């Protein structure tokens, strides 16, 4: 990692890495050999997955929603 080891440097490194995946090349022009964004998160029709989803939906758990105006705080 050539960047600074501080918050802005780490964020810049991470964003450069994400950009490399999206473009298929690193900043120096070399190929990433990583999965490209056009191949990520594609939805395919899979009968096995559909059967699994249907089985899971049949086992649905009754969920009681929180009271109106309630909230959770994550820190």
C-alpha atoms as a PDB file:
ATOM      1  CA  UNK A   1       0.000   0.000   0.000  1.00  0.00           C
ATOM      2  CA  UNK A   2       1.660   3.180  -1.190  1.00  0.00           C
ATOM      3  CA  UNK A   3      -0.800   5.548   0.498  1.00  0.00           C
ATOM      4  CA  UNK A   4      -0.747   6.968   3.970  1.00  0.00           C
ATOM      5  CA  UNK A   5      -1.830   4.779   6.878  1.00  0.00           C
ATOM      6  CA  UNK A   6      -4.457   7.208   8.079  1.00  0.00           C
ATOM      7  CA  UNK A   7      -8.167   7.437   7.487  1.00  0.00           C
ATOM      8  CA  UNK A   8      -8.013   9.446   4.225  1.00  0.00           C
ATOM      9  CA  UNK A   9      -5.187   7.233   2.919  1.00  0.00           C
ATOM     10  CA  UNK A  10      -7.034   4.017   3.707  1.00  0.00           C
ATOM     11  CA  UNK A  11     -10.221   5.355   2.124  1.00  0.00           C
ATOM     12  CA  UNK A  12      -8.287   6.395  -0.993  1.00  0.00           C
ATOM     13  CA  UNK A  13      -6.670   2.940  -1.226  1.00  0.00           C
ATOM     14  CA  UNK A  14     -10.045   1.230  -0.874  1.00  0.00           C
ATOM     15  CA  UNK A  15     -11.659   3.491  -3.482  1.00  0.00           C
ATOM     16  CA  UNK A  16      -8.745   2.929  -5.891  1.00  0.00           C
ATOM     17  CA  UNK A  17      -9.190  -0.832  -5.460  1.00  0.00           C
ATOM     18  CA  UNK A  18     -12.938  -0.590  -6.149  1.00  0.00           C
ATOM     19  CA  UNK A  19     -12.225   1.542  -9.208  1.00  0.00           C
ATOM     20  CA  UNK A  20      -9.733  -1.062 -10.449  1.00  0.00           C
ATOM     21  CA  UNK A  21     -12.387  -3.771 -10.199  1.00  0.00           C
ATOM     22  CA  UNK A  22     -14.920  -1.651 -12.058  1.00  0.00           C
ATOM     23  CA  UNK A  23     -12.469  -0.695 -14.832  1.00  0.00           C
ATOM     24  CA  UNK A  24     -10.509  -3.951 -14.979  1.00  0.00           C
ATOM     25  CA  UNK A  25      -7.149  -2.198 -14.649  1.00  0.00           C
ATOM     26  CA  UNK A  26      -4.990  -0.874 -11.841  1.00  0.00           C
ATOM     27  CA  UNK A  27      -3.833   2.753 -11.793  1.00  0.00           C
ATOM     28  CA  UNK A  28      -0.602   1.749 -13.582  1.00  0.00           C
ATOM     29  CA  UNK A  29      -2.618   0.227 -16.451  1.00  0.00           C
ATOM     30  CA  UNK A  30      -1.919  -3.418 -15.625  1.00  0.00           C
ATOM     31  CA  UNK A  31      -4.907  -5.798 -15.774  1.00  0.00           C
ATOM     32  CA  UNK A  32      -6.498  -6.678 -12.437  1.00  0.00           C
ATOM     33  CA  UNK A  33      -7.410 -10.289 -13.301  1.00  0.00           C
ATOM     34  CA  UNK A  34     -10.314  -9.779 -10.885  1.00  0.00           C
ATOM     35  CA  UNK A  35     -13.982 -10.289 -11.619  1.00  0.00           C
ATOM     36  CA  UNK A  36     -15.294  -7.308 -13.542  1.00  0.00           C
ATOM     37  CA  UNK A  37     -18.316  -5.351 -12.449  1.00  0.00           C
ATOM     38  CA  UNK A  38     -20.363  -6.596 -15.405  1.00  0.00           C
ATOM     39  CA  UNK A  39     -19.941 -10.142 -14.103  1.00  0.00           C
ATOM     40  CA  UNK A  40     -20.747  -9.429 -10.483  1.00  0.00           C
ATOM     41  CA  UNK A  41     -24.174  -9.765  -8.933  1.00  0.00           C
ATOM     42  CA  UNK A  42     -25.830 -11.104 -12.079  1.00  0.00           C
ATOM     43  CA  UNK A  43     -29.126 -12.839 -11.476  1.00  0.00           C
ATOM     44  CA  UNK A  44     -29.608 -16.184 -13.170  1.00  0.00           C
ATOM     45  CA  UNK A  45     -32.672 -18.379 -13.339  1.00  0.00           C
ATOM     46  CA  UNK A  46     -31.926 -21.363 -11.112  1.00  0.00           C
ATOM     47  CA  UNK A  47     -34.729 -23.863 -10.414  1.00  0.00           C
ATOM     48  CA  UNK A  48     -32.806 -25.267  -7.443  1.00  0.00           C
ATOM     49  CA  UNK A  49     -32.589 -21.835  -5.862  1.00  0.00           C
ATOM     50  CA  UNK A  50     -36.287 -21.258  -6.523  1.00  0.00           C
ATOM     51  CA  UNK A  51     -37.154 -24.530  -4.748  1.00  0.00           C
ATOM     52  CA  UNK A  52     -34.938 -23.599  -1.800  1.00  0.00           C
ATOM     53  CA  UNK A  53     -36.537 -20.141  -1.555  1.00  0.00           C
ATOM     54  CA  UNK A  54     -40.023 -21.663  -1.671  1.00  0.00           C
ATOM     55  CA  UNK A  55     -39.113 -24.109   1.104  1.00  0.00           C
ATOM     56  CA  UNK A  56     -37.692 -21.305   3.235  1.00  0.00           C
ATOM     57  CA  UNK A  57     -40.772 -19.163   2.665  1.00  0.00           C
ATOM     58  CA  UNK A  58     -42.916 -22.037   3.919  1.00  0.00           C
ATOM     59  CA  UNK A  59     -40.966 -22.009   7.176  1.00  0.00           C
ATOM     60  CA  UNK A  60     -41.457 -18.283   7.676  1.00  0.00           C
ATOM     61  CA  UNK A  61     -41.228 -17.101  11.246  1.00  0.00           C
ATOM     62  CA  UNK A  62     -43.842 -14.708  12.535  1.00  0.00           C
ATOM     63  CA  UNK A  63     -42.065 -11.474  13.284  1.00  0.00           C
ATOM     64  CA  UNK A  64     -43.494  -8.888  15.628  1.00  0.00           C
ATOM     65  CA  UNK A  65     -42.625  -5.428  14.395  1.00  0.00           C
ATOM     66  CA  UNK A  66     -41.369  -2.866  16.896  1.00  0.00           C
ATOM     67  CA  UNK A  67     -43.736  -0.243  18.181  1.00  0.00           C
ATOM     68  CA  UNK A  68     -44.232   2.840  16.076  1.00  0.00           C
ATOM     69  CA  UNK A  69     -41.543   5.467  16.668  1.00  0.00           C
ATOM     70  CA  UNK A  70     -39.185   2.941  18.249  1.00  0.00           C
ATOM     71  CA  UNK A  71     -35.622   2.740  17.021  1.00  0.00           C
ATOM     72  CA  UNK A  72     -32.351   0.960  17.547  1.00  0.00           C
ATOM     73  CA  UNK A  73     -29.113   2.844  18.048  1.00  0.00           C
ATOM     74  CA  UNK A  74     -25.919   1.212  16.775  1.00  0.00           C
ATOM     75  CA  UNK A  75     -22.623   2.588  17.954  1.00  0.00           C
END
